[in-house]
Amino acid sequence: MCASKTRAVALAARLTAVTGNEAWTEVLPERIRIKVSLPTRLTETGCRSLLAVLADADRYGHDVTVRGAVAWAEIDGGGATARKSSSNS
């Protein structure tokens, strides 16, 4: 497994652990994006833990949609073909 994929799998597992929601990935040509739905409420400790996980990414952010809030993280690297997978792949 390449280093970027290994980092992405580890980051997805950590995001799942911090939020209690399963993270998912999108493998793009130049990066891997990991997303996770955020719980309605995060404790201060939960927020700090989330930020600590996100800090290990090359880029990260937060989107708010009608379905709720999503945190995302990107790892440089990726594959030649875009595809979606769960954190268990």
PDB file of N, CA and C in Angstrom:
ATOM      1  N   MET A   1       0.855  -1.172   0.000  1.00  0.00           N
ATOM      2  CA  MET A   1       0.000   0.000   0.000  1.00  0.00           C
ATOM      3  C   MET A   1       0.899   1.232   0.000  1.00  0.00           C
ATOM      4  N   CYS A   2       0.576   2.226  -0.844  1.00  0.00           N
ATOM      5  CA  CYS A   2       1.426   3.414  -0.917  1.00  0.00           C
ATOM      6  C   CYS A   2       1.247   4.274   0.339  1.00  0.00           C
ATOM      7  N   ALA A   3       2.213   5.125   0.567  1.00  0.00           N
ATOM      8  CA  ALA A   3       2.231   5.933   1.791  1.00  0.00           C
ATOM      9  C   ALA A   3       0.996   6.811   1.918  1.00  0.00           C
ATOM     10  N   SER A   4       0.532   7.416   0.821  1.00  0.00           N
ATOM     11  CA  SER A   4      -0.642   8.290   0.913  1.00  0.00           C
ATOM     12  C   SER A   4      -1.886   7.484   1.272  1.00  0.00           C
ATOM     13  N   LYS A   5      -2.027   6.293   0.735  1.00  0.00           N
ATOM     14  CA  LYS A   5      -3.175   5.438   1.063  1.00  0.00           C
ATOM     15  C   LYS A   5      -3.114   5.007   2.527  1.00  0.00           C
ATOM     16  N   THR A   6      -1.922   4.655   2.994  1.00  0.00           N
ATOM     17  CA  THR A   6      -1.746   4.263   4.395  1.00  0.00           C
ATOM     18  C   THR A   6      -2.125   5.409   5.325  1.00  0.00           C
ATOM     19  N   ARG A   7      -1.657   6.614   5.003  1.00  0.00           N
ATOM     20  CA  ARG A   7      -2.008   7.794   5.811  1.00  0.00           C
ATOM     21  C   ARG A   7      -3.508   8.042   5.803  1.00  0.00           C
ATOM     22  N   ALA A   8      -4.126   7.899   4.635  1.00  0.00           N
ATOM     23  CA  ALA A   8      -5.566   8.147   4.506  1.00  0.00           C
ATOM     24  C   ALA A   8      -6.384   7.146   5.316  1.00  0.00           C
ATOM     25  N   VAL A   9      -5.999   5.875   5.277  1.00  0.00           N
ATOM     26  CA  VAL A   9      -6.713   4.853   6.042  1.00  0.00           C
ATOM     27  C   VAL A   9      -6.595   5.143   7.540  1.00  0.00           C
ATOM     28  N   ALA A  10      -5.400   5.501   7.991  1.00  0.00           N
ATOM     29  CA  ALA A  10      -5.197   5.814   9.413  1.00  0.00           C
ATOM     30  C   ALA A  10      -5.992   7.048   9.809  1.00  0.00           C
ATOM     31  N   LEU A  11      -5.989   8.074   8.977  1.00  0.00           N
ATOM     32  CA  LEU A  11      -6.723   9.296   9.274  1.00  0.00           C
ATOM     33  C   LEU A  11      -8.224   9.022   9.326  1.00  0.00           C
ATOM     34  N   ALA A  12      -8.732   8.229   8.386  1.00  0.00           N
ATOM     35  CA  ALA A  12     -10.159   7.880   8.375  1.00  0.00           C
ATOM     36  C   ALA A  12     -10.549   7.139   9.653  1.00  0.00           C
ATOM     37  N   ALA A  13      -9.710   6.230  10.088  1.00  0.00           N
ATOM     38  CA  ALA A  13      -9.995   5.483  11.321  1.00  0.00           C
ATOM     39  C   ALA A  13     -10.021   6.412  12.528  1.00  0.00           C
ATOM     40  N   ARG A  14      -9.098   7.343  12.567  1.00  0.00           N
ATOM     41  CA  ARG A  14      -9.055   8.296  13.686  1.00  0.00           C
ATOM     42  C   ARG A  14     -10.254   9.232  13.660  1.00  0.00           C
ATOM     43  N   LEU A  15     -10.670   9.687  12.471  1.00  0.00           N
ATOM     44  CA  LEU A  15     -11.853  10.549  12.369  1.00  0.00           C
ATOM     45  C   LEU A  15     -13.105   9.798  12.806  1.00  0.00           C
ATOM     46  N   THR A  16     -13.191   8.530  12.435  1.00  0.00           N
ATOM     47  CA  THR A  16     -14.317   7.706  12.862  1.00  0.00           C
ATOM     48  C   THR A  16     -14.341   7.588  14.382  1.00  0.00           C
ATOM     49  N   ALA A  17     -13.189   7.351  14.982  1.00  0.00           N
ATOM     50  CA  ALA A  17     -13.108   7.203  16.437  1.00  0.00           C
ATOM     51  C   ALA A  17     -13.490   8.490  17.161  1.00  0.00           C
ATOM     52  N   VAL A  18     -13.048   9.621  16.654  1.00  0.00           N
ATOM     53  CA  VAL A  18     -13.308  10.907  17.320  1.00  0.00           C
ATOM     54  C   VAL A  18     -14.775  11.323  17.210  1.00  0.00           C
ATOM     55  N   THR A  19     -15.380  11.079  16.047  1.00  0.00           N
ATOM     56  CA  THR A  19     -16.744  11.566  15.815  1.00  0.00           C
ATOM     57  C   THR A  19     -17.823  10.539  16.107  1.00  0.00           C
ATOM     58  N   GLY A  20     -17.466   9.262  16.082  1.00  0.00           N
ATOM     59  CA  GLY A  20     -18.479   8.223  16.229  1.00  0.00           C
ATOM     60  C   GLY A  20     -19.220   7.942  14.935  1.00  0.00           C
ATOM     61  N   ASN A  21     -18.832   8.603  13.848  1.00  0.00           N
ATOM     62  CA  ASN A  21     -19.435   8.400  12.529  1.00  0.00           C
ATOM     63  C   ASN A  21     -18.382   7.848  11.578  1.00  0.00           C
ATOM     64  N   GLU A  22     -18.797   6.932  10.702  1.00  0.00           N
ATOM     65  CA  GLU A  22     -17.831   6.337   9.784  1.00  0.00           C
ATOM     66  C   GLU A  22     -17.375   7.341   8.733  1.00  0.00           C
ATOM     67  N   ALA A  23     -16.067   7.469   8.592  1.00  0.00           N
ATOM     68  CA  ALA A  23     -15.476   8.347   7.584  1.00  0.00           C
ATOM     69  C   ALA A  23     -15.487   7.631   6.237  1.00  0.00           C
ATOM     70  N   TRP A  24     -15.470   8.401   5.169  1.00  0.00           N
ATOM     71  CA  TRP A  24     -15.380   7.835   3.827  1.00  0.00           C
ATOM     72  C   TRP A  24     -14.330   8.585   3.028  1.00  0.00           C
ATOM     73  N   THR A  25     -13.839   7.954   1.980  1.00  0.00           N
ATOM     74  CA  THR A  25     -12.758   8.551   1.194  1.00  0.00           C
ATOM     75  C   THR A  25     -13.157   8.710  -0.262  1.00  0.00           C
ATOM     76  N   GLU A  26     -12.531   9.673  -0.901  1.00  0.00           N
ATOM     77  CA  GLU A  26     -12.618   9.863  -2.337  1.00  0.00           C
ATOM     78  C   GLU A  26     -11.177   9.875  -2.846  1.00  0.00           C
ATOM     79  N   VAL A  27     -10.838   8.930  -3.699  1.00  0.00           N
ATOM     80  CA  VAL A  27      -9.491   8.876  -4.257  1.00  0.00           C
ATOM     81  C   VAL A  27      -9.507   9.638  -5.572  1.00  0.00           C
ATOM     82  N   LEU A  28      -8.759  10.722  -5.620  1.00  0.00           N
ATOM     83  CA  LEU A  28      -8.685  11.595  -6.783  1.00  0.00           C
ATOM     84  C   LEU A  28      -7.293  11.473  -7.399  1.00  0.00           C
ATOM     85  N   PRO A  29      -7.087  11.974  -8.608  1.00  0.00           N
ATOM     86  CA  PRO A  29      -5.789  11.806  -9.260  1.00  0.00           C
ATOM     87  C   PRO A  29      -4.593  12.327  -8.459  1.00  0.00           C
ATOM     88  N   GLU A  30      -4.741  13.421  -7.751  1.00  0.00           N
ATOM     89  CA  GLU A  30      -3.592  14.005  -7.054  1.00  0.00           C
ATOM     90  C   GLU A  30      -3.717  14.042  -5.535  1.00  0.00           C
ATOM     91  N   ARG A  31      -4.827  13.531  -5.009  1.00  0.00           N
ATOM     92  CA  ARG A  31      -5.022  13.575  -3.563  1.00  0.00           C
ATOM     93  C   ARG A  31      -6.091  12.574  -3.135  1.00  0.00           C
ATOM     94  N   ILE A  32      -6.118  12.305  -1.861  1.00  0.00           N
ATOM     95  CA  ILE A  32      -7.174  11.490  -1.266  1.00  0.00           C
ATOM     96  C   ILE A  32      -7.901  12.395  -0.280  1.00  0.00           C
ATOM     97  N   ARG A  33      -9.212  12.479  -0.427  1.00  0.00           N
ATOM     98  CA  ARG A  33     -10.015  13.311   0.474  1.00  0.00           C
ATOM     99  C   ARG A  33     -10.809  12.384   1.384  1.00  0.00           C
ATOM    100  N   ILE A  34     -10.705  12.626   2.688  1.00  0.00           N
ATOM    101  CA  ILE A  34     -11.428  11.860   3.690  1.00  0.00           C
ATOM    102  C   ILE A  34     -12.473  12.787   4.282  1.00  0.00           C
ATOM    103  N   LYS A  35     -13.711  12.299   4.377  1.00  0.00           N
ATOM    104  CA  LYS A  35     -14.803  13.102   4.928  1.00  0.00           C
ATOM    105  C   LYS A  35     -15.472  12.353   6.062  1.00  0.00           C
ATOM    106  N   VAL A  36     -16.015  13.114   7.001  1.00  0.00           N
ATOM    107  CA  VAL A  36     -16.778  12.515   8.088  1.00  0.00           C
ATOM    108  C   VAL A  36     -17.878  13.489   8.507  1.00  0.00           C
ATOM    109  N   SER A  37     -19.067  12.963   8.724  1.00  0.00           N
ATOM    110  CA  SER A  37     -20.163  13.774   9.246  1.00  0.00           C
ATOM    111  C   SER A  37     -19.882  14.061  10.714  1.00  0.00           C
ATOM    112  N   LEU A  38     -20.125  15.294  11.101  1.00  0.00           N
ATOM    113  CA  LEU A  38     -19.880  15.681  12.488  1.00  0.00           C
ATOM    114  C   LEU A  38     -21.139  15.514  13.318  1.00  0.00           C
ATOM    115  N   PRO A  39     -20.976  15.104  14.567  1.00  0.00           N
ATOM    116  CA  PRO A  39     -22.138  15.026  15.449  1.00  0.00           C
ATOM    117  C   PRO A  39     -22.693  16.432  15.701  1.00  0.00           C
ATOM    118  N   THR A  40     -23.942  16.496  16.111  1.00  0.00           N
ATOM    119  CA  THR A  40     -24.573  17.786  16.376  1.00  0.00           C
ATOM    120  C   THR A  40     -23.801  18.572  17.424  1.00  0.00           C
ATOM    121  N   ARG A  41     -23.338  17.882  18.419  1.00  0.00           N
ATOM    122  CA  ARG A  41     -22.563  18.542  19.477  1.00  0.00           C
ATOM    123  C   ARG A  41     -21.252  17.794  19.713  1.00  0.00           C
ATOM    124  N   LEU A  42     -20.190  18.577  19.837  1.00  0.00           N
ATOM    125  CA  LEU A  42     -18.884  18.026  20.213  1.00  0.00           C
ATOM    126  C   LEU A  42     -18.451  18.730  21.494  1.00  0.00           C
ATOM    127  N   THR A  43     -17.962  17.963  22.421  1.00  0.00           N
ATOM    128  CA  THR A  43     -17.431  18.562  23.644  1.00  0.00           C
ATOM    129  C   THR A  43     -16.163  19.328  23.306  1.00  0.00           C
ATOM    130  N   GLU A  44     -15.683  20.103  24.243  1.00  0.00           N
ATOM    131  CA  GLU A  44     -14.420  20.816  24.031  1.00  0.00           C
ATOM    132  C   GLU A  44     -13.288  19.823  23.774  1.00  0.00           C
ATOM    133  N   THR A  45     -13.282  18.739  24.524  1.00  0.00           N
ATOM    134  CA  THR A  45     -12.277  17.692  24.320  1.00  0.00           C
ATOM    135  C   THR A  45     -12.434  17.068  22.937  1.00  0.00           C
ATOM    136  N   GLY A  46     -13.667  16.841  22.516  1.00  0.00           N
ATOM    137  CA  GLY A  46     -13.927  16.290  21.193  1.00  0.00           C
ATOM    138  C   GLY A  46     -13.434  17.216  20.087  1.00  0.00           C
ATOM    139  N   CYS A  47     -13.659  18.523  20.258  1.00  0.00           N
ATOM    140  CA  CYS A  47     -13.179  19.505  19.274  1.00  0.00           C
ATOM    141  C   CYS A  47     -11.657  19.489  19.195  1.00  0.00           C
ATOM    142  N   ARG A  48     -11.006  19.438  20.347  1.00  0.00           N
ATOM    143  CA  ARG A  48      -9.544  19.397  20.359  1.00  0.00           C
ATOM    144  C   ARG A  48      -9.019  18.125  19.704  1.00  0.00           C
ATOM    145  N   SER A  49      -9.685  17.016  19.990  1.00  0.00           N
ATOM    146  CA  SER A  49      -9.275  15.744  19.391  1.00  0.00           C
ATOM    147  C   SER A  49      -9.459  15.775  17.882  1.00  0.00           C
ATOM    148  N   LEU A  50     -10.569  16.340  17.421  1.00  0.00           N
ATOM    149  CA  LEU A  50     -10.822  16.454  15.982  1.00  0.00           C
ATOM    150  C   LEU A  50      -9.749  17.309  15.319  1.00  0.00           C
ATOM    151  N   LEU A  51      -9.434  18.441  15.909  1.00  0.00           N
ATOM    152  CA  LEU A  51      -8.401  19.307  15.340  1.00  0.00           C
ATOM    153  C   LEU A  51      -7.032  18.640  15.330  1.00  0.00           C
ATOM    154  N   ALA A  52      -6.735  17.847  16.344  1.00  0.00           N
ATOM    155  CA  ALA A  52      -5.459  17.122  16.379  1.00  0.00           C
ATOM    156  C   ALA A  52      -5.370  16.122  15.231  1.00  0.00           C
ATOM    157  N   VAL A  53      -6.475  15.450  14.934  1.00  0.00           N
ATOM    158  CA  VAL A  53      -6.484  14.503  13.808  1.00  0.00           C
ATOM    159  C   VAL A  53      -6.333  15.262  12.496  1.00  0.00           C
ATOM    160  N   LEU A  54      -7.104  16.329  12.322  1.00  0.00           N
ATOM    161  CA  LEU A  54      -7.059  17.101  11.082  1.00  0.00           C
ATOM    162  C   LEU A  54      -5.686  17.712  10.836  1.00  0.00           C
ATOM    163  N   ALA A  55      -4.984  18.046  11.894  1.00  0.00           N
ATOM    164  CA  ALA A  55      -3.657  18.655  11.760  1.00  0.00           C
ATOM    165  C   ALA A  55      -2.656  17.717  11.077  1.00  0.00           C
ATOM    166  N   ASP A  56      -2.937  16.417  11.071  1.00  0.00           N
ATOM    167  CA  ASP A  56      -2.049  15.460  10.421  1.00  0.00           C
ATOM    168  C   ASP A  56      -2.277  15.363   8.916  1.00  0.00           C
ATOM    169  N   ALA A  57      -3.272  16.078   8.406  1.00  0.00           N
ATOM    170  CA  ALA A  57      -3.563  16.081   6.969  1.00  0.00           C
ATOM    171  C   ALA A  57      -2.753  17.172   6.280  1.00  0.00           C
ATOM    172  N   ASP A  58      -2.671  17.090   4.965  1.00  0.00           N
ATOM    173  CA  ASP A  58      -1.999  18.129   4.199  1.00  0.00           C
ATOM    174  C   ASP A  58      -2.877  19.379   4.088  1.00  0.00           C
ATOM    175  N   ARG A  59      -4.184  19.184   4.051  1.00  0.00           N
ATOM    176  CA  ARG A  59      -5.170  20.261   4.064  1.00  0.00           C
ATOM    177  C   ARG A  59      -6.411  19.752   4.762  1.00  0.00           C
ATOM    178  N   TYR A  60      -7.184  20.650   5.353  1.00  0.00           N
ATOM    179  CA  TYR A  60      -8.444  20.229   5.964  1.00  0.00           C
ATOM    180  C   TYR A  60      -9.423  21.392   5.963  1.00  0.00           C
ATOM    181  N   GLY A  61     -10.682  21.052   6.195  1.00  0.00           N
ATOM    182  CA  GLY A  61     -11.708  22.080   6.213  1.00  0.00           C
ATOM    183  C   GLY A  61     -12.999  21.545   6.795  1.00  0.00           C
ATOM    184  N   HIS A  62     -14.040  22.354   6.653  1.00  0.00           N
ATOM    185  CA  HIS A  62     -15.324  22.094   7.278  1.00  0.00           C
ATOM    186  C   HIS A  62     -16.398  22.649   6.350  1.00  0.00           C
ATOM    187  N   ASP A  63     -17.362  21.839   6.009  1.00  0.00           N
ATOM    188  CA  ASP A  63     -18.478  22.274   5.170  1.00  0.00           C
ATOM    189  C   ASP A  63     -19.777  22.091   5.935  1.00  0.00           C
ATOM    190  N   VAL A  64     -20.698  23.034   5.763  1.00  0.00           N
ATOM    191  CA  VAL A  64     -22.020  22.915   6.364  1.00  0.00           C
ATOM    192  C   VAL A  64     -23.027  22.828   5.220  1.00  0.00           C
ATOM    193  N   THR A  65     -23.833  21.769   5.249  1.00  0.00           N
ATOM    194  CA  THR A  65     -24.841  21.563   4.227  1.00  0.00           C
ATOM    195  C   THR A  65     -26.202  21.431   4.903  1.00  0.00           C
ATOM    196  N   VAL A  66     -27.251  21.285   4.113  1.00  0.00           N
ATOM    197  CA  VAL A  66     -28.580  21.083   4.688  1.00  0.00           C
ATOM    198  C   VAL A  66     -28.655  19.769   5.453  1.00  0.00           C
ATOM    199  N   ARG A  67     -27.771  18.842   5.146  1.00  0.00           N
ATOM    200  CA  ARG A  67     -27.741  17.545   5.834  1.00  0.00           C
ATOM    201  C   ARG A  67     -26.912  17.572   7.111  1.00  0.00           C
ATOM    202  N   GLY A  68     -26.181  18.639   7.354  1.00  0.00           N
ATOM    203  CA  GLY A  68     -25.351  18.731   8.548  1.00  0.00           C
ATOM    204  C   GLY A  68     -23.936  19.166   8.206  1.00  0.00           C
ATOM    205  N   ALA A  69     -23.078  19.108   9.199  1.00  0.00           N
ATOM    206  CA  ALA A  69     -21.687  19.544   9.041  1.00  0.00           C
ATOM    207  C   ALA A  69     -20.793  18.356   8.711  1.00  0.00           C
ATOM    208  N   VAL A  70     -19.815  18.619   7.844  1.00  0.00           N
ATOM    209  CA  VAL A  70     -18.855  17.597   7.434  1.00  0.00           C
ATOM    210  C   VAL A  70     -17.455  18.182   7.561  1.00  0.00           C
ATOM    211  N   ALA A  71     -16.567  17.446   8.202  1.00  0.00           N
ATOM    212  CA  ALA A  71     -15.150  17.816   8.237  1.00  0.00           C
ATOM    213  C   ALA A  71     -14.464  17.009   7.141  1.00  0.00           C
ATOM    214  N   TRP A  72     -13.477  17.606   6.488  1.00  0.00           N
ATOM    215  CA  TRP A  72     -12.735  16.893   5.456  1.00  0.00           C
ATOM    216  C   TRP A  72     -11.239  17.129   5.641  1.00  0.00           C
ATOM    217  N   ALA A  73     -10.488  16.176   5.177  1.00  0.00           N
ATOM    218  CA  ALA A  73      -9.027  16.243   5.230  1.00  0.00           C
ATOM    219  C   ALA A  73      -8.494  15.700   3.919  1.00  0.00           C
ATOM    220  N   GLU A  74      -7.400  16.270   3.438  1.00  0.00           N
ATOM    221  CA  GLU A  74      -6.788  15.795   2.205  1.00  0.00           C
ATOM    222  C   GLU A  74      -5.350  15.361   2.445  1.00  0.00           C
ATOM    223  N   ILE A  75      -5.007  14.273   1.782  1.00  0.00           N
ATOM    224  CA  ILE A  75      -3.655  13.727   1.794  1.00  0.00           C
ATOM    225  C   ILE A  75      -3.139  13.824   0.369  1.00  0.00           C
ATOM    226  N   ASP A  76      -1.980  14.413   0.167  1.00  0.00           N
ATOM    227  CA  ASP A  76      -1.401  14.480  -1.175  1.00  0.00           C
ATOM    228  C   ASP A  76      -1.044  13.079  -1.644  1.00  0.00           C
ATOM    229  N   GLY A  77      -1.219  12.848  -2.918  1.00  0.00           N
ATOM    230  CA  GLY A  77      -1.026  11.527  -3.509  1.00  0.00           C
ATOM    231  C   GLY A  77      -2.329  11.146  -4.156  1.00  0.00           C
ATOM    232  N   GLY A  78      -2.661   9.922  -4.198  1.00  0.00           N
ATOM    233  CA  GLY A  78      -3.932   9.498  -4.805  1.00  0.00           C
ATOM    234  C   GLY A  78      -3.688   8.471  -5.859  1.00  0.00           C
ATOM    235  N   GLY A  79      -4.650   8.331  -6.730  1.00  0.00           N
ATOM    236  CA  GLY A  79      -4.558   7.327  -7.780  1.00  0.00           C
ATOM    237  C   GLY A  79      -4.866   7.939  -9.127  1.00  0.00           C
ATOM    238  N   ALA A  80      -4.729   7.149 -10.161  1.00  0.00           N
ATOM    239  CA  ALA A  80      -4.985   7.634 -11.511  1.00  0.00           C
ATOM    240  C   ALA A  80      -6.473   7.710 -11.808  1.00  0.00           C
ATOM    241  N   THR A  81      -7.294   6.961 -11.076  1.00  0.00           N
ATOM    242  CA  THR A  81      -8.725   6.932 -11.342  1.00  0.00           C
ATOM    243  C   THR A  81      -9.475   7.347 -10.093  1.00  0.00           C
ATOM    244  N   ALA A  82     -10.400   8.274 -10.257  1.00  0.00           N
ATOM    245  CA  ALA A  82     -11.215   8.706  -9.122  1.00  0.00           C
ATOM    246  C   ALA A  82     -12.203   7.593  -8.767  1.00  0.00           C
ATOM    247  N   ARG A  83     -12.356   7.333  -7.464  1.00  0.00           N
ATOM    248  CA  ARG A  83     -13.329   6.356  -6.997  1.00  0.00           C
ATOM    249  C   ARG A  83     -13.671   6.668  -5.551  1.00  0.00           C
ATOM    250  N   LYS A  84     -14.765   6.109  -5.077  1.00  0.00           N
ATOM    251  CA  LYS A  84     -15.162   6.297  -3.693  1.00  0.00           C
ATOM    252  C   LYS A  84     -15.022   4.981  -2.974  1.00  0.00           C
ATOM    253  N   SER A  85     -14.692   5.050  -1.687  1.00  0.00           N
ATOM    254  CA  SER A  85     -14.621   3.839  -0.886  1.00  0.00           C
ATOM    255  C   SER A  85     -14.874   4.202   0.563  1.00  0.00           C
ATOM    256  N   SER A  86     -15.207   3.203   1.354  1.00  0.00           N
ATOM    257  CA  SER A  86     -15.368   3.425   2.787  1.00  0.00           C
ATOM    258  C   SER A  86     -13.991   3.331   3.443  1.00  0.00           C
ATOM    259  N   SER A  87     -13.921   3.674   4.720  1.00  0.00           N
ATOM    260  CA  SER A  87     -12.637   3.619   5.415  1.00  0.00           C
ATOM    261  C   SER A  87     -12.171   2.184   5.625  1.00  0.00           C
ATOM    262  N   ASN A  88     -13.033   1.215   5.386  1.00  0.00           N
ATOM    263  CA  ASN A  88     -12.667  -0.185   5.576  1.00  0.00           C
ATOM    264  C   ASN A  88     -11.972  -0.796   4.377  1.00  0.00           C
ATOM    265  N   SER A  89     -11.803  -0.044   3.278  1.00  0.00           N
ATOM    266  CA  SER A  89     -11.168  -0.618   2.091  1.00  0.00           C
ATOM    267  C   SER A  89      -9.687  -0.483   2.117  1.00  0.00           C
TER     268      SER A  89
END
